Amino acid sequence: MLPEGDLGDAKVLAALLGISEMVAGLSDLEEVLGLIVRITPQLVGVDRCAVLLYDDHRAEFRTAQVFGPDRERNATFQRLTIREEDVKRLAHRILEQKLPALVRAGNLPPNMAESLGMKMVLIVPLVCRERVLGIMTLDHTRGLGLFTSKEINVVVGIAQQAAIAIDNARLKAEAAHAGERMRVASGLLADGVLVLTEDGRIGSLDPGAEALLQWRSEEVAGRPAGEVFALMDRDGARVAVISRPDIVLRGGQPPVPLYFRRKDGSRVLLEARAAAVRDDLGEVLDVVCTLRRITAREGDLTEPLARPVPRADLTAQPAD
């Protein structure tokens, strides 16, 4: 525990470094914020601290973590919600200028001044990439809890780290949500999805592609697609491995029927369509291939290969 008072430079630097390392090393946002609301009051000589996160849909701030000496009031604080318009009324600088503000009890809404017994509170916006993600509040339950400019600057530094942790968690959740949307969409549009690198190596297989091809993603990641799947066209001619899988599978053109060799040596006819994923500069990051199994009526062949194609030959480049 850090001793209260005497806000020395060494103490501040040690605390900020510890919080920065914690933000970088912990993936659980609740744990990160829980530690922040415990550490911060010790640095500025108050006894209560809370972090409220902004809810875009409801346009309000809701308590995520609180630390203070009164358990009953902590429970009340945990249920606290503050409307965005109420925060703007407290001080325009908090949300519009993204700056901290000291607010006295007379300017606080009843659910803060009366229910929580706040006499004066420091409110600091949690800002990352020009976006307010929440607010941090600090006050003293046994007095006014005045703050020096140095103490406010320390709290602002900690608030920046809290905002980074919140933003990281938000981006992680959005990425997981996007991945789930893609999984659901691919299940509606295709039987499997195969991701390739620009040079034709396997990046990953989704569960549908794993079921189709009998390979687990980790078993084949990094290996050339032609070597693993022995790609052949509908007439049985080998498809040579070249450096651009979007050309191999004719991305942007009608889907191509290709035979893929499965793990057990049998082959399956799949309709393949590919599209390149590009960065902001137009460089290819990877190639996403959707696979749809062609039914028996359309000419599906699943018998074992009569003459396995030698793996060494699969790396041959096509003639210019």
Protein backbone atom coordinates (compact mmCIF):
# COMPACT_ATOMS: atom_id res chain seq x y z
CA MET A 1 0.00 0.00 0.00
CA LEU A 2 1.17 3.54 -0.72
CA PRO A 3 1.38 5.97 2.22
CA GLU A 4 -1.02 8.92 2.06
CA GLY A 5 0.26 12.47 1.67
CA ASP A 6 3.72 13.65 0.58
CA LEU A 7 3.17 13.43 -3.15
CA GLY A 8 6.86 13.04 -4.03
CA ASP A 9 8.09 12.67 -7.60
CA ALA A 10 9.50 9.19 -6.94
CA LYS A 11 6.19 8.03 -5.52
CA VAL A 12 4.25 9.43 -8.47
CA LEU A 13 6.59 7.96 -11.07
CA ALA A 14 6.50 4.56 -9.38
CA ALA A 15 2.71 4.61 -9.28
CA LEU A 16 2.32 5.72 -12.90
CA LEU A 17 4.83 3.13 -14.07
CA GLY A 18 3.04 0.42 -12.12
CA ILE A 19 -0.33 1.41 -13.56
CA SER A 20 1.10 1.54 -17.09
CA GLU A 21 2.56 -1.95 -16.72
CA MET A 22 -0.72 -3.18 -15.28
CA VAL A 23 -2.70 -1.79 -18.23
CA ALA A 24 -0.29 -3.47 -20.65
CA GLY A 25 -0.20 -6.78 -18.79
CA LEU A 26 -3.79 -7.37 -17.68
CA SER A 27 -6.58 -8.24 -20.09
CA ASP A 28 -9.43 -8.10 -17.56
CA LEU A 29 -10.82 -4.56 -17.61
CA GLU A 30 -12.70 -5.03 -14.34
CA GLU A 31 -9.46 -6.00 -12.61
CA VAL A 32 -7.53 -3.05 -14.09
CA LEU A 33 -10.15 -0.49 -13.09
CA GLY A 34 -10.53 -2.08 -9.67
CA LEU A 35 -6.83 -1.57 -8.98
CA ILE A 36 -6.87 1.97 -10.34
CA VAL A 37 -9.70 3.11 -8.02
CA ARG A 38 -7.75 1.68 -5.06
CA ILE A 39 -4.36 3.19 -5.94
CA THR A 40 -5.40 6.67 -7.06
CA PRO A 41 -6.93 7.95 -3.76
CA GLN A 42 -3.70 7.14 -1.92
CA LEU A 43 -1.74 9.39 -4.25
CA VAL A 44 -3.90 12.49 -3.78
CA GLY A 45 -5.05 12.18 -0.16
CA VAL A 46 -8.74 11.34 -0.62
CA ASP A 47 -10.65 8.23 0.38
CA ARG A 48 -13.08 7.55 -2.47
CA CYS A 49 -12.63 6.99 -6.18
CA ALA A 50 -14.91 5.67 -8.90
CA VAL A 51 -14.84 5.02 -12.63
CA LEU A 52 -18.02 5.40 -14.66
CA LEU A 53 -18.18 4.15 -18.25
CA TYR A 54 -20.09 5.89 -21.00
CA ASP A 55 -23.00 4.01 -22.58
CA ASP A 56 -23.40 5.26 -26.17
CA HIS A 57 -26.89 3.85 -26.60
CA ARG A 58 -28.31 5.31 -23.39
CA ALA A 59 -26.18 8.50 -23.45
CA GLU A 60 -25.31 8.07 -19.78
CA PHE A 61 -22.42 7.20 -17.49
CA ARG A 62 -22.71 4.07 -15.33
CA THR A 63 -20.46 3.05 -12.44
CA ALA A 64 -18.01 0.29 -13.31
CA GLN A 65 -15.79 0.33 -10.19
CA VAL A 66 -15.85 2.22 -6.89
CA PHE A 67 -13.61 2.21 -3.82
CA GLY A 68 -14.40 3.97 -0.56
CA PRO A 69 -14.58 3.52 3.24
CA ASP A 70 -18.39 3.22 3.49
CA ARG A 71 -19.72 -0.10 2.18
CA GLU A 72 -23.33 1.02 2.19
CA ARG A 73 -22.56 4.11 0.16
CA ASN A 74 -20.30 2.07 -2.11
CA ALA A 75 -23.29 -0.13 -2.90
CA THR A 76 -25.35 2.98 -3.68
CA PHE A 77 -22.50 4.34 -5.80
CA GLN A 78 -22.33 1.08 -7.73
CA ARG A 79 -25.91 1.70 -8.92
CA LEU A 80 -25.22 5.30 -9.91
CA THR A 81 -26.01 6.49 -13.43
CA ILE A 82 -25.47 10.06 -14.64
CA ARG A 83 -27.03 11.33 -17.84
CA GLU A 84 -24.69 12.93 -20.35
CA GLU A 85 -26.66 16.18 -20.22
CA ASP A 86 -26.26 16.27 -16.42
CA VAL A 87 -22.48 15.96 -16.74
CA LYS A 88 -22.52 18.84 -19.22
CA ARG A 89 -24.48 20.93 -16.72
CA LEU A 90 -21.87 20.28 -14.02
CA ALA A 91 -19.14 21.85 -16.15
CA HIS A 92 -18.91 22.27 -19.90
CA ARG A 93 -15.16 21.68 -19.78
CA ILE A 94 -15.56 18.02 -18.76
CA LEU A 95 -17.02 16.71 -22.02
CA GLU A 96 -16.64 19.60 -24.46
CA GLN A 97 -13.04 20.55 -23.64
CA LYS A 98 -12.17 17.13 -22.18
CA LEU A 99 -10.62 18.73 -19.09
CA PRO A 100 -10.98 17.96 -15.35
CA ALA A 101 -13.30 20.03 -13.17
CA LEU A 102 -13.83 20.54 -9.43
CA VAL A 103 -17.54 20.58 -8.64
CA ARG A 104 -19.06 21.64 -5.30
CA ALA A 105 -22.06 19.95 -3.67
CA GLY A 106 -24.43 22.77 -4.60
CA ASN A 107 -23.91 22.05 -8.30
CA LEU A 108 -24.20 18.27 -8.02
CA PRO A 109 -27.40 16.35 -8.77
CA PRO A 110 -29.21 14.92 -5.69
CA ASN A 111 -28.15 11.36 -6.45
CA MET A 112 -24.54 12.47 -5.93
CA ALA A 113 -24.71 15.20 -3.30
CA GLU A 114 -27.33 13.64 -1.02
CA SER A 115 -27.24 9.89 -1.62
CA LEU A 116 -23.44 9.72 -1.73
CA GLY A 117 -22.68 12.60 0.63
CA MET A 118 -20.36 14.37 -1.82
CA LYS A 119 -19.16 17.80 -0.70
CA MET A 120 -16.69 18.49 -3.49
CA VAL A 121 -15.68 16.13 -6.27
CA LEU A 122 -12.96 16.11 -8.89
CA ILE A 123 -14.35 14.81 -12.18
CA VAL A 124 -11.84 13.79 -14.84
CA PRO A 125 -12.86 12.65 -18.34
CA LEU A 126 -11.37 9.38 -19.58
CA VAL A 127 -10.27 10.25 -23.10
CA CYS A 128 -8.63 8.05 -25.73
CA ARG A 129 -8.29 8.98 -29.39
CA GLU A 130 -10.36 12.13 -28.86
CA ARG A 131 -13.29 10.12 -27.55
CA VAL A 132 -14.69 10.34 -24.00
CA LEU A 133 -15.06 6.77 -22.78
CA GLY A 134 -16.02 7.54 -19.20
CA ILE A 135 -15.27 9.71 -16.18
CA MET A 136 -13.28 9.27 -12.99
CA THR A 137 -14.50 10.85 -9.75
CA LEU A 138 -12.47 11.50 -6.59
CA ASP A 139 -13.72 12.97 -3.33
CA HIS A 140 -13.20 12.83 0.43
CA THR A 141 -16.10 11.51 2.49
CA ARG A 142 -14.87 13.33 5.63
CA GLY A 143 -14.15 16.78 4.18
CA LEU A 144 -13.95 18.97 1.11
CA GLY A 145 -10.99 17.10 -0.35
CA LEU A 146 -9.23 20.04 -2.01
CA PHE A 147 -6.74 19.23 -4.77
CA THR A 148 -3.51 20.92 -5.74
CA SER A 149 -2.66 21.43 -9.40
CA LYS A 150 0.04 18.78 -9.06
CA GLU A 151 -2.45 16.27 -7.69
CA ILE A 152 -4.89 17.02 -10.51
CA ASN A 153 -2.13 16.44 -13.06
CA VAL A 154 -1.35 13.09 -11.45
CA VAL A 155 -5.01 12.07 -11.63
CA VAL A 156 -5.14 13.12 -15.30
CA GLY A 157 -2.14 10.89 -16.02
CA ILE A 158 -3.83 7.94 -14.32
CA ALA A 159 -7.09 8.70 -16.14
CA GLN A 160 -5.24 8.47 -19.45
CA GLN A 161 -4.06 4.97 -18.56
CA ALA A 162 -7.58 3.99 -17.52
CA ALA A 163 -8.89 5.29 -20.85
CA ILE A 164 -6.33 3.20 -22.74
CA ALA A 165 -7.43 0.10 -20.85
CA ILE A 166 -11.10 0.85 -21.62
CA ASP A 167 -10.34 1.47 -25.29
CA ASN A 168 -8.34 -1.76 -25.56
CA ALA A 169 -11.23 -3.72 -24.04
CA ARG A 170 -13.69 -2.00 -26.38
CA LEU A 171 -11.60 -2.80 -29.46
CA LYS A 172 -11.21 -6.40 -28.34
CA ALA A 173 -14.97 -6.74 -27.86
CA GLU A 174 -15.65 -5.14 -31.25
CA ALA A 175 -13.17 -7.50 -32.94
CA ALA A 176 -14.83 -10.50 -31.29
CA HIS A 177 -18.24 -9.21 -32.36
CA ALA A 178 -17.03 -8.67 -35.93
CA GLY A 179 -15.56 -12.17 -35.97
CA GLU A 180 -18.83 -13.64 -34.79
CA ARG A 181 -20.75 -11.69 -37.43
CA MET A 182 -18.38 -13.00 -40.10
CA ARG A 183 -18.80 -16.54 -38.79
CA VAL A 184 -22.58 -16.28 -38.95
CA ALA A 185 -22.52 -14.64 -42.38
CA SER A 186 -20.09 -17.19 -43.80
CA GLY A 187 -22.31 -19.97 -42.48
CA LEU A 188 -25.20 -18.51 -44.46
CA LEU A 189 -23.21 -17.96 -47.66
CA ALA A 190 -20.68 -20.81 -47.68
CA ASP A 191 -19.86 -24.17 -46.16
CA GLY A 192 -16.42 -23.03 -45.07
CA VAL A 193 -13.91 -20.19 -45.16
CA LEU A 194 -10.20 -20.55 -45.92
CA VAL A 195 -7.77 -17.67 -45.33
CA LEU A 196 -4.56 -17.61 -47.38
CA THR A 197 -1.52 -15.38 -47.36
CA GLU A 198 -0.64 -13.49 -50.52
CA ASP A 199 1.96 -16.12 -51.45
CA GLY A 200 -0.56 -18.95 -51.21
CA ARG A 201 0.17 -20.28 -47.73
CA ILE A 202 -2.62 -21.27 -45.38
CA GLY A 203 -3.52 -18.72 -42.74
CA SER A 204 -6.49 -20.38 -41.10
CA LEU A 205 -9.58 -22.53 -41.63
CA ASP A 206 -12.89 -21.82 -39.98
CA PRO A 207 -14.80 -24.74 -38.38
CA GLY A 208 -16.77 -25.28 -41.58
CA ALA A 209 -13.62 -25.58 -43.68
CA GLU A 210 -12.08 -27.88 -41.08
CA ALA A 211 -15.10 -30.20 -41.38
CA LEU A 212 -14.97 -30.13 -45.18
CA LEU A 213 -11.23 -30.76 -45.47
CA GLN A 214 -10.66 -32.83 -42.30
CA TRP A 215 -7.70 -30.65 -41.27
CA ARG A 216 -7.50 -28.57 -38.12
CA SER A 217 -6.33 -25.03 -38.71
CA GLU A 218 -3.26 -25.37 -36.50
CA GLU A 219 -2.16 -28.50 -38.39
CA VAL A 220 -1.76 -26.71 -41.71
CA ALA A 221 -1.19 -23.04 -40.86
CA GLY A 222 1.82 -21.71 -42.75
CA ARG A 223 1.96 -24.55 -45.27
CA PRO A 224 1.42 -24.00 -49.03
CA ALA A 225 -2.22 -24.54 -49.96
CA GLY A 226 -1.27 -26.48 -53.09
CA GLU A 227 0.89 -28.88 -51.10
CA VAL A 228 -1.80 -29.60 -48.54
CA PHE A 229 -4.88 -29.68 -50.74
CA ALA A 230 -3.40 -30.82 -54.11
CA LEU A 231 -5.71 -28.50 -55.99
CA MET A 232 -7.10 -29.90 -59.25
CA ASP A 233 -9.60 -28.54 -61.72
CA ARG A 234 -12.83 -30.30 -62.62
CA ASP A 235 -11.11 -32.24 -65.42
CA GLY A 236 -8.52 -33.60 -63.00
CA ALA A 237 -5.66 -31.38 -64.16
CA ARG A 238 -3.38 -30.14 -61.41
CA VAL A 239 -3.65 -26.44 -60.55
CA ALA A 240 -0.11 -25.17 -60.25
CA VAL A 241 0.80 -23.20 -57.17
CA ILE A 242 1.54 -19.61 -58.03
CA SER A 243 2.23 -16.59 -55.88
CA ARG A 244 -1.25 -15.08 -55.96
CA PRO A 245 -4.09 -17.23 -54.63
CA ASP A 246 -6.64 -14.69 -55.82
CA ILE A 247 -5.51 -15.59 -59.37
CA VAL A 248 -5.47 -19.31 -58.61
CA LEU A 249 -9.08 -19.13 -57.48
CA ARG A 250 -9.97 -16.34 -59.91
CA GLY A 251 -11.12 -13.85 -57.34
CA GLY A 252 -13.62 -11.34 -58.67
CA GLN A 253 -14.81 -13.81 -61.33
CA PRO A 254 -17.49 -16.51 -61.12
CA PRO A 255 -16.75 -19.20 -58.49
CA VAL A 256 -14.36 -21.91 -59.65
CA PRO A 257 -14.99 -25.63 -59.02
CA LEU A 258 -11.80 -27.17 -57.65
CA TYR A 259 -10.97 -30.54 -56.19
CA PHE A 260 -9.40 -30.34 -52.73
CA ARG A 261 -7.55 -33.31 -51.26
CA ARG A 262 -8.70 -34.00 -47.72
CA LYS A 263 -6.63 -35.33 -44.85
CA ASP A 264 -7.69 -38.95 -45.48
CA GLY A 265 -6.61 -38.76 -49.14
CA SER A 266 -10.09 -38.49 -50.59
CA ARG A 267 -11.03 -35.51 -52.68
CA VAL A 268 -14.02 -33.23 -52.57
CA LEU A 269 -15.30 -30.86 -55.23
CA LEU A 270 -15.76 -27.35 -53.87
CA GLU A 271 -16.88 -24.13 -55.43
CA ALA A 272 -14.22 -21.60 -54.47
CA ARG A 273 -14.43 -17.83 -54.55
CA ALA A 274 -11.62 -15.58 -53.33
CA ALA A 275 -11.20 -11.90 -52.53
CA ALA A 276 -8.19 -9.97 -51.30
CA VAL A 277 -8.27 -8.10 -47.99
CA ARG A 278 -6.31 -4.86 -48.38
CA ASP A 279 -4.95 -2.19 -46.06
CA ASP A 280 -5.47 1.55 -46.42
CA LEU A 281 -2.67 1.72 -49.01
CA GLY A 282 -4.14 -1.05 -51.12
CA GLU A 283 -1.57 -3.66 -50.13
CA VAL A 284 -2.88 -7.22 -49.84
CA LEU A 285 -3.03 -8.40 -46.23
CA ASP A 286 -4.50 -11.82 -46.94
CA VAL A 287 -7.00 -13.58 -49.18
CA VAL A 288 -10.35 -14.88 -47.94
CA CYS A 289 -11.72 -17.88 -49.85
CA THR A 290 -15.27 -19.07 -49.41
CA LEU A 291 -15.88 -22.75 -50.08
CA ARG A 292 -19.20 -24.30 -51.04
CA ARG A 293 -19.53 -28.03 -51.41
CA ILE A 294 -20.89 -29.10 -54.80
CA THR A 295 -23.61 -31.69 -54.38
CA ALA A 296 -23.65 -35.13 -56.00
CA ARG A 297 -26.13 -33.85 -58.57
CA GLU A 298 -23.58 -31.21 -59.57
CA GLY A 299 -20.78 -33.74 -59.85
CA ASP A 300 -19.26 -34.25 -56.40
CA LEU A 301 -16.50 -36.86 -56.25
CA THR A 302 -15.31 -38.03 -52.85
CA GLU A 303 -13.51 -41.27 -53.67
CA PRO A 304 -9.81 -41.60 -52.69
CA LEU A 305 -7.38 -40.35 -55.30
CA ALA A 306 -6.42 -43.15 -57.66
CA ARG A 307 -3.00 -41.65 -58.22
CA PRO A 308 -1.87 -39.26 -55.49
CA VAL A 309 -0.09 -36.24 -56.91
CA PRO A 310 3.56 -36.16 -55.72
CA ARG A 311 3.90 -33.35 -53.22
CA ALA A 312 7.24 -32.23 -54.67
CA ASP A 313 5.56 -31.49 -58.02
CA LEU A 314 2.98 -29.21 -56.44
CA THR A 315 5.44 -26.36 -56.04
CA ALA A 316 6.03 -26.03 -59.76
CA GLN A 317 5.37 -22.60 -61.19
CA PRO A 318 3.26 -22.18 -64.33
CA ALA A 319 5.00 -21.20 -67.50
CA ASP A 320 4.81 -17.51 -68.41
